N, C-alpha and C. Protein backbone atom coordinates (compact mmCIF):
# COMPACT_ATOMS: atom_id res chain seq x y z
N MET A 1 104.32 370.52 128.86
CA MET A 1 103.03 370.63 128.23
C MET A 1 102.32 369.29 128.31
N ARG A 2 101.08 369.33 128.71
CA ARG A 2 100.25 368.12 128.72
C ARG A 2 99.64 367.95 127.33
N VAL A 3 99.73 366.75 126.82
CA VAL A 3 99.17 366.44 125.50
C VAL A 3 97.94 365.57 125.72
N ASP A 4 96.80 366.07 125.25
CA ASP A 4 95.56 365.30 125.40
C ASP A 4 95.21 364.59 124.09
N GLU A 5 94.06 363.96 124.07
CA GLU A 5 93.64 363.18 122.90
C GLU A 5 93.48 364.05 121.65
N LYS A 6 92.99 365.27 121.81
CA LYS A 6 92.85 366.19 120.66
C LYS A 6 94.23 366.53 120.09
N ASP A 7 95.20 366.80 120.99
CA ASP A 7 96.56 367.10 120.54
C ASP A 7 97.15 365.90 119.79
N ARG A 8 96.96 364.71 120.34
CA ARG A 8 97.47 363.50 119.68
C ARG A 8 96.85 363.33 118.29
N ARG A 9 95.57 363.62 118.19
CA ARG A 9 94.88 363.52 116.90
C ARG A 9 95.43 364.55 115.91
N ILE A 10 95.67 365.77 116.39
CA ILE A 10 96.27 366.80 115.54
C ILE A 10 97.63 366.33 115.03
N LEU A 11 98.45 365.80 115.92
CA LEU A 11 99.79 365.33 115.53
C LEU A 11 99.70 364.20 114.50
N GLU A 12 98.79 363.28 114.69
CA GLU A 12 98.65 362.16 113.76
C GLU A 12 98.19 362.65 112.38
N ILE A 13 97.24 363.54 112.36
CA ILE A 13 96.74 364.07 111.08
C ILE A 13 97.84 364.86 110.37
N LEU A 14 98.58 365.70 111.10
CA LEU A 14 99.66 366.47 110.49
C LEU A 14 100.80 365.57 110.03
N ARG A 15 101.04 364.47 110.73
CA ARG A 15 102.06 363.52 110.32
C ARG A 15 101.71 362.95 108.94
N GLN A 16 100.43 362.72 108.71
CA GLN A 16 99.99 362.16 107.43
C GLN A 16 99.92 363.21 106.33
N ASN A 17 99.57 364.44 106.69
CA ASN A 17 99.43 365.50 105.69
C ASN A 17 99.65 366.86 106.33
N ALA A 18 100.89 367.33 106.32
CA ALA A 18 101.23 368.60 106.95
C ALA A 18 100.76 369.80 106.13
N ARG A 19 100.29 369.56 104.92
CA ARG A 19 99.82 370.66 104.07
C ARG A 19 98.34 370.95 104.24
N LEU A 20 97.70 370.22 105.11
CA LEU A 20 96.28 370.40 105.36
C LEU A 20 96.02 371.82 105.88
N THR A 21 94.96 372.45 105.43
CA THR A 21 94.64 373.78 105.93
C THR A 21 94.17 373.67 107.38
N ASN A 22 94.31 374.74 108.12
CA ASN A 22 93.86 374.76 109.51
C ASN A 22 92.36 374.48 109.58
N LYS A 23 91.62 375.02 108.63
CA LYS A 23 90.16 374.82 108.61
C LYS A 23 89.83 373.33 108.48
N ASP A 24 90.50 372.63 107.56
CA ASP A 24 90.25 371.19 107.38
C ASP A 24 90.73 370.38 108.57
N LEU A 25 91.88 370.78 109.14
CA LEU A 25 92.40 370.11 110.32
C LEU A 25 91.41 370.25 111.48
N ALA A 26 90.92 371.46 111.69
CA ALA A 26 89.97 371.72 112.78
C ALA A 26 88.71 370.87 112.61
N LYS A 27 88.24 370.77 111.38
CA LYS A 27 87.05 369.97 111.10
C LYS A 27 87.27 368.50 111.45
N GLN A 28 88.43 367.97 111.07
CA GLN A 28 88.74 366.56 111.34
C GLN A 28 88.90 366.27 112.83
N VAL A 29 89.38 367.26 113.57
CA VAL A 29 89.62 367.08 115.00
C VAL A 29 88.37 367.41 115.82
N GLY A 30 87.47 368.19 115.24
CA GLY A 30 86.27 368.57 115.97
C GLY A 30 86.45 369.81 116.83
N LEU A 31 87.24 370.76 116.33
CA LEU A 31 87.47 372.02 117.03
C LEU A 31 87.13 373.19 116.12
N SER A 32 86.98 374.37 116.72
CA SER A 32 86.86 375.57 115.90
C SER A 32 88.23 375.85 115.28
N SER A 33 88.26 376.63 114.21
CA SER A 33 89.53 376.95 113.55
C SER A 33 90.49 377.66 114.50
N SER A 34 89.97 378.60 115.30
CA SER A 34 90.85 379.35 116.20
C SER A 34 91.40 378.45 117.31
N ALA A 35 90.57 377.57 117.86
CA ALA A 35 91.04 376.65 118.91
C ALA A 35 92.07 375.68 118.36
N CYS A 36 91.85 375.22 117.14
CA CYS A 36 92.79 374.29 116.51
C CYS A 36 94.13 374.98 116.25
N LEU A 37 94.08 376.20 115.72
CA LEU A 37 95.31 376.95 115.45
C LEU A 37 96.09 377.20 116.73
N GLU A 38 95.40 377.53 117.81
CA GLU A 38 96.07 377.75 119.09
C GLU A 38 96.75 376.48 119.58
N ARG A 39 96.10 375.35 119.40
CA ARG A 39 96.70 374.07 119.80
C ARG A 39 97.94 373.76 118.96
N VAL A 40 97.85 373.97 117.65
CA VAL A 40 98.99 373.72 116.77
C VAL A 40 100.16 374.62 117.17
N ARG A 41 99.89 375.89 117.40
CA ARG A 41 100.96 376.82 117.82
C ARG A 41 101.56 376.40 119.16
N GLY A 42 100.72 375.93 120.08
CA GLY A 42 101.21 375.44 121.37
C GLY A 42 102.10 374.22 121.20
N LEU A 43 101.71 373.31 120.31
CA LEU A 43 102.52 372.12 120.03
C LEU A 43 103.85 372.50 119.39
N GLU A 44 103.84 373.53 118.54
CA GLU A 44 105.08 374.02 117.94
C GLU A 44 105.99 374.64 119.00
N ARG A 45 105.42 375.49 119.87
CA ARG A 45 106.20 376.14 120.92
C ARG A 45 106.80 375.12 121.88
N ALA A 46 106.05 374.07 122.17
CA ALA A 46 106.51 373.03 123.11
C ALA A 46 107.52 372.08 122.47
N GLY A 47 107.70 372.19 121.16
CA GLY A 47 108.65 371.32 120.48
C GLY A 47 108.08 369.98 120.04
N ALA A 48 106.77 369.78 120.23
CA ALA A 48 106.15 368.53 119.77
C ALA A 48 106.12 368.49 118.24
N ILE A 49 105.99 369.65 117.62
CA ILE A 49 106.09 369.76 116.17
C ILE A 49 107.42 370.45 115.89
N LYS A 50 108.33 369.71 115.28
CA LYS A 50 109.69 370.21 115.05
C LYS A 50 109.83 370.95 113.73
N GLY A 51 108.89 370.77 112.82
CA GLY A 51 108.97 371.41 111.52
C GLY A 51 108.05 370.70 110.55
N TYR A 52 108.02 371.18 109.34
CA TYR A 52 107.20 370.61 108.29
C TYR A 52 108.11 370.30 107.11
N TYR A 53 107.99 369.09 106.58
CA TYR A 53 108.94 368.62 105.57
C TYR A 53 108.23 368.05 104.36
N ALA A 54 108.93 368.08 103.26
CA ALA A 54 108.46 367.41 102.04
C ALA A 54 109.18 366.08 101.91
N ARG A 55 108.45 365.02 101.59
CA ARG A 55 109.07 363.73 101.30
C ARG A 55 109.32 363.70 99.80
N ILE A 56 110.57 363.68 99.43
CA ILE A 56 110.97 363.74 98.03
C ILE A 56 111.22 362.33 97.52
N ASP A 57 110.74 362.04 96.33
CA ASP A 57 111.01 360.75 95.69
C ASP A 57 112.52 360.62 95.53
N PRO A 58 113.13 359.58 96.11
CA PRO A 58 114.59 359.43 96.03
C PRO A 58 115.11 359.41 94.59
N ALA A 59 114.32 358.92 93.66
CA ALA A 59 114.76 358.89 92.27
C ALA A 59 114.89 360.29 91.68
N LEU A 60 114.18 361.26 92.26
CA LEU A 60 114.22 362.63 91.76
C LEU A 60 115.06 363.56 92.62
N ALA A 61 115.46 363.09 93.77
CA ALA A 61 116.21 363.92 94.71
C ALA A 61 117.63 364.15 94.20
N PRO A 62 118.20 365.31 94.54
CA PRO A 62 119.56 365.60 94.11
C PRO A 62 120.60 364.69 94.76
N ALA A 63 120.31 364.14 95.93
CA ALA A 63 121.26 363.26 96.61
C ALA A 63 121.09 361.84 96.07
N SER A 64 121.97 361.47 95.15
CA SER A 64 121.86 360.16 94.51
C SER A 64 122.71 359.11 95.18
N PHE A 65 123.48 359.48 96.20
CA PHE A 65 124.34 358.56 96.93
C PHE A 65 123.87 358.52 98.37
N GLU A 66 123.27 357.43 98.78
CA GLU A 66 122.75 357.32 100.15
C GLU A 66 123.35 356.09 100.83
N VAL A 67 123.83 356.30 102.05
CA VAL A 67 124.47 355.25 102.84
C VAL A 67 123.75 355.13 104.18
N TRP A 68 123.54 353.90 104.62
CA TRP A 68 123.12 353.63 106.00
C TRP A 68 124.30 352.93 106.65
N ALA A 69 124.84 353.51 107.71
CA ALA A 69 126.02 352.96 108.37
C ALA A 69 125.70 352.55 109.80
N ASN A 70 126.10 351.34 110.16
CA ASN A 70 126.01 350.86 111.55
C ASN A 70 127.38 351.08 112.17
N ILE A 71 127.43 351.82 113.26
CA ILE A 71 128.71 352.27 113.81
C ILE A 71 128.86 351.85 115.26
N VAL A 72 130.05 351.31 115.58
CA VAL A 72 130.46 351.07 116.96
C VAL A 72 131.65 351.98 117.19
N LEU A 73 131.52 352.95 118.08
CA LEU A 73 132.59 353.90 118.36
C LEU A 73 133.61 353.28 119.30
N LEU A 74 134.87 353.68 119.15
CA LEU A 74 135.90 353.24 120.08
C LEU A 74 135.61 353.82 121.46
N ASP A 75 135.90 353.07 122.47
CA ASP A 75 135.70 353.53 123.84
C ASP A 75 136.96 354.26 124.28
N LEU A 76 137.04 355.54 123.92
CA LEU A 76 138.23 356.34 124.21
C LEU A 76 137.94 357.31 125.35
N PRO A 77 139.00 357.76 126.05
CA PRO A 77 138.78 358.77 127.09
C PRO A 77 138.17 360.03 126.48
N GLY A 78 137.40 360.73 127.25
CA GLY A 78 136.74 361.92 126.74
C GLY A 78 135.36 361.55 126.23
N SER A 79 134.80 362.43 125.50
CA SER A 79 133.43 362.24 125.05
C SER A 79 133.38 361.95 123.55
N THR A 80 133.82 360.75 123.18
CA THR A 80 133.84 360.36 121.78
C THR A 80 132.45 360.43 121.16
N GLN A 81 131.47 359.90 121.88
CA GLN A 81 130.12 359.88 121.34
C GLN A 81 129.58 361.30 121.16
N ASP A 82 129.84 362.19 122.13
CA ASP A 82 129.39 363.58 121.99
C ASP A 82 130.05 364.26 120.80
N ALA A 83 131.35 364.02 120.61
CA ALA A 83 132.06 364.62 119.47
C ALA A 83 131.50 364.09 118.16
N PHE A 84 131.20 362.80 118.12
CA PHE A 84 130.61 362.20 116.92
C PHE A 84 129.26 362.83 116.62
N LEU A 85 128.41 362.96 117.64
CA LEU A 85 127.08 363.54 117.44
C LEU A 85 127.16 365.00 117.03
N THR A 86 128.11 365.74 117.57
CA THR A 86 128.30 367.14 117.18
C THR A 86 128.68 367.24 115.71
N LEU A 87 129.61 366.39 115.27
CA LEU A 87 129.99 366.40 113.85
C LEU A 87 128.81 365.99 112.97
N ALA A 88 128.09 364.97 113.38
CA ALA A 88 126.92 364.52 112.60
C ALA A 88 125.89 365.64 112.50
N ASP A 89 125.64 366.34 113.61
CA ASP A 89 124.68 367.45 113.61
C ASP A 89 125.10 368.56 112.65
N SER A 90 126.40 368.78 112.52
CA SER A 90 126.88 369.89 111.70
C SER A 90 126.97 369.54 110.22
N SER A 91 126.86 368.27 109.88
CA SER A 91 126.98 367.87 108.47
C SER A 91 125.63 367.98 107.75
N VAL A 92 125.63 368.67 106.63
CA VAL A 92 124.41 368.80 105.84
C VAL A 92 124.02 367.48 105.19
N HIS A 93 124.96 366.55 105.12
CA HIS A 93 124.71 365.26 104.47
C HIS A 93 124.15 364.20 105.41
N VAL A 94 124.24 364.43 106.70
CA VAL A 94 123.70 363.44 107.66
C VAL A 94 122.22 363.72 107.83
N ALA A 95 121.40 362.78 107.36
CA ALA A 95 119.95 362.95 107.43
C ALA A 95 119.40 362.53 108.78
N SER A 96 119.98 361.49 109.37
CA SER A 96 119.52 361.05 110.69
C SER A 96 120.60 360.24 111.38
N VAL A 97 120.56 360.27 112.70
CA VAL A 97 121.41 359.44 113.54
C VAL A 97 120.52 358.85 114.62
N LEU A 98 120.52 357.54 114.71
CA LEU A 98 119.73 356.85 115.73
C LEU A 98 120.68 356.20 116.70
N GLN A 99 120.62 356.57 117.98
CA GLN A 99 121.43 355.90 119.00
C GLN A 99 120.69 354.64 119.42
N LEU A 100 121.44 353.55 119.55
CA LEU A 100 120.84 352.24 119.78
C LEU A 100 121.40 351.55 121.01
N THR A 101 120.68 350.55 121.46
CA THR A 101 121.24 349.56 122.38
C THR A 101 121.55 348.35 121.52
N GLY A 102 122.42 347.50 122.00
CA GLY A 102 122.70 346.28 121.24
C GLY A 102 124.07 346.32 120.59
N ALA A 103 124.16 345.73 119.42
CA ALA A 103 125.45 345.50 118.75
C ALA A 103 126.12 346.78 118.24
N PHE A 104 125.35 347.83 117.99
CA PHE A 104 125.91 349.07 117.44
C PHE A 104 125.57 350.24 118.35
N ASP A 105 126.44 351.25 118.34
CA ASP A 105 126.16 352.48 119.09
C ASP A 105 125.12 353.32 118.38
N CYS A 106 125.19 353.34 117.04
CA CYS A 106 124.26 354.16 116.29
C CYS A 106 124.15 353.70 114.84
N VAL A 107 123.09 354.16 114.22
CA VAL A 107 122.87 354.00 112.79
C VAL A 107 122.82 355.41 112.21
N LEU A 108 123.57 355.62 111.15
CA LEU A 108 123.66 356.94 110.54
C LEU A 108 123.14 356.85 109.11
N GLN A 109 122.30 357.79 108.74
CA GLN A 109 121.82 357.90 107.35
C GLN A 109 122.53 359.09 106.72
N PHE A 110 123.20 358.84 105.62
CA PHE A 110 124.03 359.84 104.95
C PHE A 110 123.57 359.95 103.50
N ALA A 111 123.33 361.16 103.02
CA ALA A 111 122.88 361.35 101.63
C ALA A 111 123.65 362.50 100.99
N ALA A 112 124.20 362.24 99.83
CA ALA A 112 124.97 363.26 99.11
C ALA A 112 124.88 362.98 97.61
N ASN A 113 125.58 363.80 96.84
CA ASN A 113 125.58 363.62 95.38
C ASN A 113 126.50 362.49 94.93
N ASP A 114 127.55 362.22 95.72
CA ASP A 114 128.51 361.21 95.29
C ASP A 114 129.28 360.66 96.49
N ALA A 115 130.12 359.67 96.23
CA ALA A 115 130.89 359.01 97.28
C ALA A 115 131.96 359.92 97.88
N LYS A 116 132.36 360.94 97.16
CA LYS A 116 133.40 361.85 97.66
C LYS A 116 132.97 362.48 98.99
N ALA A 117 131.72 362.89 99.09
CA ALA A 117 131.22 363.50 100.34
C ALA A 117 131.30 362.51 101.50
N TRP A 118 131.01 361.24 101.23
CA TRP A 118 131.10 360.20 102.27
C TRP A 118 132.56 360.03 102.71
N ARG A 119 133.49 359.99 101.76
CA ARG A 119 134.91 359.86 102.11
C ARG A 119 135.37 361.06 102.94
N LEU A 120 134.91 362.27 102.57
CA LEU A 120 135.29 363.47 103.33
C LEU A 120 134.73 363.42 104.75
N PHE A 121 133.49 362.96 104.90
CA PHE A 121 132.89 362.84 106.23
C PHE A 121 133.70 361.86 107.07
N CYS A 122 134.05 360.72 106.51
CA CYS A 122 134.85 359.72 107.25
C CYS A 122 136.21 360.29 107.61
N ALA A 123 136.82 361.07 106.71
CA ALA A 123 138.11 361.70 106.99
C ALA A 123 137.98 362.72 108.12
N GLN A 124 136.87 363.46 108.15
CA GLN A 124 136.64 364.42 109.24
C GLN A 124 136.56 363.69 110.58
N LEU A 125 135.86 362.58 110.61
CA LEU A 125 135.76 361.80 111.85
C LEU A 125 137.15 361.42 112.34
N SER A 126 137.95 360.93 111.44
CA SER A 126 139.30 360.48 111.79
C SER A 126 140.19 361.65 112.20
N SER A 127 140.09 362.78 111.50
CA SER A 127 140.98 363.91 111.76
C SER A 127 140.74 364.57 113.12
N ILE A 128 139.54 364.46 113.66
CA ILE A 128 139.29 365.06 114.97
C ILE A 128 139.32 364.00 116.08
N GLY A 129 139.84 362.84 115.74
CA GLY A 129 140.08 361.82 116.76
C GLY A 129 138.89 360.97 117.14
N ILE A 130 137.89 360.94 116.28
CA ILE A 130 136.74 360.08 116.57
C ILE A 130 136.98 358.76 115.85
N GLY A 131 137.27 357.75 116.63
CA GLY A 131 137.56 356.46 116.04
C GLY A 131 136.37 355.53 116.11
N ALA A 132 136.28 354.69 115.12
CA ALA A 132 135.22 353.69 115.11
C ALA A 132 135.85 352.31 115.24
N GLU A 133 135.32 351.53 116.14
CA GLU A 133 135.78 350.16 116.29
C GLU A 133 135.32 349.33 115.10
N ARG A 134 134.09 349.62 114.67
CA ARG A 134 133.53 348.87 113.55
C ARG A 134 132.49 349.72 112.83
N VAL A 135 132.54 349.71 111.51
CA VAL A 135 131.53 350.37 110.69
C VAL A 135 131.13 349.39 109.59
N THR A 136 129.85 349.10 109.53
CA THR A 136 129.34 348.34 108.39
C THR A 136 128.31 349.24 107.72
N PHE A 137 128.33 349.25 106.40
CA PHE A 137 127.39 350.14 105.73
C PHE A 137 126.90 349.52 104.43
N GLY A 138 125.79 350.05 104.01
CA GLY A 138 125.21 349.62 102.74
C GLY A 138 124.75 350.83 101.96
N LEU A 139 124.86 350.73 100.66
CA LEU A 139 124.37 351.78 99.77
C LEU A 139 122.92 351.47 99.42
N VAL A 140 122.10 352.47 99.44
CA VAL A 140 120.69 352.30 99.09
C VAL A 140 120.58 352.17 97.57
N VAL A 141 119.97 351.08 97.11
CA VAL A 141 119.79 350.89 95.67
C VAL A 141 118.35 351.15 95.24
N SER A 142 117.40 350.99 96.17
CA SER A 142 116.01 351.35 95.89
C SER A 142 115.28 351.50 97.22
N VAL A 143 114.17 352.21 97.18
CA VAL A 143 113.36 352.42 98.38
C VAL A 143 111.99 351.81 98.12
N HIS A 144 111.65 350.81 98.92
CA HIS A 144 110.35 350.16 98.77
C HIS A 144 109.27 350.98 99.48
N LYS A 145 109.56 351.41 100.71
CA LYS A 145 108.59 352.20 101.48
C LYS A 145 109.37 353.18 102.34
N SER A 146 108.89 354.40 102.38
CA SER A 146 109.50 355.42 103.22
C SER A 146 108.40 356.33 103.72
N ARG A 147 108.37 356.51 105.03
CA ARG A 147 107.34 357.38 105.61
C ARG A 147 107.90 357.98 106.88
N GLN A 148 107.65 359.24 107.07
CA GLN A 148 108.04 359.93 108.30
C GLN A 148 107.16 359.44 109.43
N ILE A 149 107.76 359.03 110.55
CA ILE A 149 106.94 358.57 111.67
C ILE A 149 106.95 359.56 112.79
């Protein structure tokens, strides 16, 4: 799918406020409501829009235990990284995984109600043979700024 300037503008506006009505979105972009809706549906079909989410205040969210972990996976035969990503994808507690260049293979964001879920996730990694050469992590104590990009 080719993305033009109107599509980029739609994406930027929806990134800031996904609850905007189609009528208001169309007005801001300079399209008719039907043309705007067709573009949004096309962006959804093409995967440019992956979904619509609510940003919850961490102080009010049910997940009161949040960890950011920097991980270096062991270089083992087979597909260690693929197995790690598969497990991360299947965990309801893994909010995001960013694959990186540099000192770490990835950064993992983990959110749960307590530390027990984190220990169980680490045990799952170990039990299926996914080893980490190094893991450094920090617990989130407060959030100064958070925005979906």
